[in-house]
Amino acid sequence: MTTVVDTTHFFIYPGTSEPEAAPTGFLDDATEAEWDVLLSYVQTRHVRAGEPIFAEGDADRALYLLTVGRLEQSSGRGPFATLDAPAPLNELAFLDGDRCATTARAIDDGELVRLGYDAFESLAAREPFLARRILLDLGAMVARALRSART
């Protein structure tokens, strides 16, 4: 089964002046062909409002991309962020292999794609430049979050 995801929110198409949504910092300048490659390695998951996506402490070395809908992220200290699509999730666990640092729950009906670590390893073996861009963009996102937390 082929996954079809509207990637227009993730990058600016050539010939357009503005993205349809604010840039996420994740593959903002990726081509449609690169998104097609990435999406061929993901699993699509439809979620209902209130449904948990993952929980703080879960062992899940996967990168999620919220493609449709909104979700709430929380930790043991309570809710701290509401994310609108498009948005990457679970970056820390994907990068370091540790447990999920947050809990994510759908606010309304939506859709996510999940790139498991084994699928990423397969992608990296076949498309090393795309894999490198994924890792660098995720690293930059984490770095920005750390810098903003220090100020």
Protein backbone atom coordinates (compact mmCIF):
# COMPACT_ATOMS: atom_id res chain seq x y z
CA MET A 1 0.00 0.00 0.00
CA THR A 2 1.35 3.42 -0.95
CA THR A 3 1.28 6.18 1.66
CA VAL A 4 0.06 9.49 0.31
CA VAL A 5 0.78 12.49 2.49
CA ASP A 6 0.30 16.12 1.61
CA THR A 7 3.85 17.44 1.98
CA THR A 8 3.07 20.96 0.80
CA HIS A 9 3.31 22.16 4.40
CA PHE A 10 6.82 20.78 4.83
CA PHE A 11 8.66 22.68 2.12
CA ILE A 12 8.36 25.38 -0.49
CA TYR A 13 7.71 24.09 -3.98
CA PRO A 14 9.90 25.59 -6.70
CA GLY A 15 8.19 28.60 -8.24
CA THR A 16 6.20 29.52 -5.13
CA SER A 17 7.08 32.39 -2.86
CA GLU A 18 5.74 31.20 0.48
CA PRO A 19 4.98 27.89 2.15
CA GLU A 20 1.37 27.16 3.05
CA ALA A 21 2.41 26.89 6.71
CA ALA A 22 5.32 28.17 8.74
CA PRO A 23 8.53 26.23 8.21
CA THR A 24 9.15 23.48 10.74
CA GLY A 25 12.92 23.38 10.41
CA PHE A 26 12.62 19.78 9.28
CA LEU A 27 13.44 19.21 5.59
CA ASP A 28 11.97 22.61 4.75
CA ASP A 29 13.81 22.68 1.42
CA ALA A 30 13.36 19.02 0.50
CA THR A 31 12.17 18.24 -3.00
CA GLU A 32 9.01 16.34 -3.76
CA ALA A 33 11.17 13.40 -4.87
CA GLU A 34 12.98 13.40 -1.50
CA TRP A 35 9.66 13.42 0.35
CA ASP A 36 8.48 10.53 -1.83
CA VAL A 37 11.58 8.55 -0.85
CA LEU A 38 11.16 9.33 2.85
CA LEU A 39 7.45 8.53 2.80
CA SER A 40 8.14 5.15 1.19
CA TYR A 41 9.81 4.13 4.49
CA VAL A 42 7.11 5.26 6.93
CA GLN A 43 3.99 3.75 8.46
CA THR A 44 0.84 5.88 8.43
CA ARG A 45 -1.32 6.05 11.54
CA HIS A 46 -4.73 7.66 11.81
CA VAL A 47 -5.62 8.91 15.30
CA ARG A 48 -8.82 9.99 16.99
CA ALA A 49 -9.19 12.94 19.34
CA GLY A 50 -7.89 12.00 22.78
CA GLU A 51 -5.92 9.01 21.53
CA PRO A 52 -2.40 8.62 22.94
CA ILE A 53 0.40 8.51 20.38
CA PHE A 54 3.22 7.62 22.75
CA ALA A 55 3.86 8.04 26.46
CA GLU A 56 6.77 9.44 28.43
CA GLY A 57 9.04 6.51 29.25
CA ASP A 58 7.95 4.32 26.32
CA ALA A 59 10.72 2.52 24.46
CA ASP A 60 10.07 3.74 20.91
CA ARG A 61 13.08 4.75 18.82
CA ALA A 62 11.04 6.31 16.05
CA LEU A 63 10.54 9.69 14.47
CA TYR A 64 6.94 10.80 14.06
CA LEU A 65 5.67 13.48 11.71
CA LEU A 66 2.25 14.93 12.48
CA THR A 67 0.78 15.47 9.02
CA VAL A 68 -2.85 16.28 9.86
CA GLY A 69 -4.38 17.61 13.06
CA ARG A 70 -3.17 18.88 16.42
CA LEU A 71 -1.72 17.24 19.47
CA GLU A 72 -0.69 18.05 23.01
CA GLN A 73 2.71 17.20 24.43
CA SER A 74 3.16 16.80 28.16
CA SER A 75 5.56 15.45 30.71
CA GLY A 76 5.29 14.47 34.36
CA ARG A 77 5.09 18.19 35.12
CA GLY A 78 1.96 18.65 32.96
CA PRO A 79 1.09 19.91 29.46
CA PHE A 80 3.65 22.18 27.84
CA ALA A 81 3.01 22.39 24.10
CA THR A 82 0.27 22.20 21.51
CA LEU A 83 1.54 21.29 18.04
CA ASP A 84 -0.23 21.82 14.74
CA ALA A 85 0.60 19.83 11.62
CA PRO A 86 3.15 19.69 10.21
CA ALA A 87 5.42 18.85 13.13
CA PRO A 88 8.11 16.29 13.91
CA LEU A 89 7.84 14.44 17.24
CA ASN A 90 9.96 12.17 19.42
CA GLU A 91 13.23 13.56 18.07
CA LEU A 92 15.21 12.85 21.24
CA ALA A 93 14.32 9.16 21.47
CA PHE A 94 14.97 8.77 17.75
CA LEU A 95 18.40 10.40 18.02
CA ASP A 96 19.70 8.87 21.25
CA GLY A 97 17.80 5.58 21.51
CA ASP A 98 16.60 6.40 25.03
CA ARG A 99 12.96 6.31 26.08
CA CYS A 100 10.35 8.86 24.97
CA ALA A 101 10.89 12.15 26.81
CA THR A 102 7.26 13.28 26.53
CA THR A 103 3.71 12.07 26.17
CA ALA A 104 1.80 12.98 23.01
CA ARG A 105 -1.98 12.81 22.70
CA ALA A 106 -4.18 13.80 19.74
CA ILE A 107 -6.34 16.85 20.36
CA ASP A 108 -8.49 16.16 17.31
CA ASP A 109 -8.67 13.52 14.61
CA GLY A 110 -5.47 13.44 12.62
CA GLU A 111 -2.73 11.51 10.93
CA LEU A 112 0.91 10.80 11.66
CA VAL A 113 3.63 8.96 9.87
CA ARG A 114 6.19 6.95 11.82
CA LEU A 115 9.77 6.33 10.71
CA GLY A 116 11.09 3.50 12.87
CA TYR A 117 14.82 3.27 13.46
CA ASP A 118 15.18 0.06 11.41
CA ALA A 119 13.37 1.74 8.51
CA PHE A 120 15.68 4.74 8.89
CA GLU A 121 18.71 2.43 8.72
CA SER A 122 17.36 0.98 5.46
CA LEU A 123 16.76 4.46 4.08
CA ALA A 124 20.28 5.52 5.13
CA ALA A 125 21.85 2.55 3.34
CA ARG A 126 20.06 3.45 0.09
CA GLU A 127 19.87 7.25 0.38
CA PRO A 128 22.78 8.43 2.58
CA PHE A 129 22.49 12.11 1.61
CA LEU A 130 18.81 12.22 2.56
CA ALA A 131 19.53 10.38 5.83
CA ARG A 132 22.29 12.89 6.60
CA ARG A 133 19.89 15.79 6.01
CA ILE A 134 17.29 14.20 8.29
CA LEU A 135 19.84 13.83 11.09
CA LEU A 136 21.27 17.33 10.64
CA ASP A 137 17.81 18.93 10.62
CA LEU A 138 16.78 17.01 13.75
CA GLY A 139 20.05 17.96 15.45
CA ALA A 140 19.50 21.61 14.55
CA MET A 141 15.96 21.49 15.96
CA VAL A 142 17.22 20.02 19.24
CA ALA A 143 20.03 22.60 19.38
CA ARG A 144 17.55 25.47 18.87
CA ALA A 145 15.36 24.10 21.66
CA LEU A 146 18.34 23.84 24.02
CA ARG A 147 19.50 27.36 23.18
CA SER A 148 16.05 28.83 23.75
CA ALA A 149 15.74 26.98 27.08
CA ARG A 150 18.96 28.63 28.27
CA THR A 151 17.70 32.15 27.62
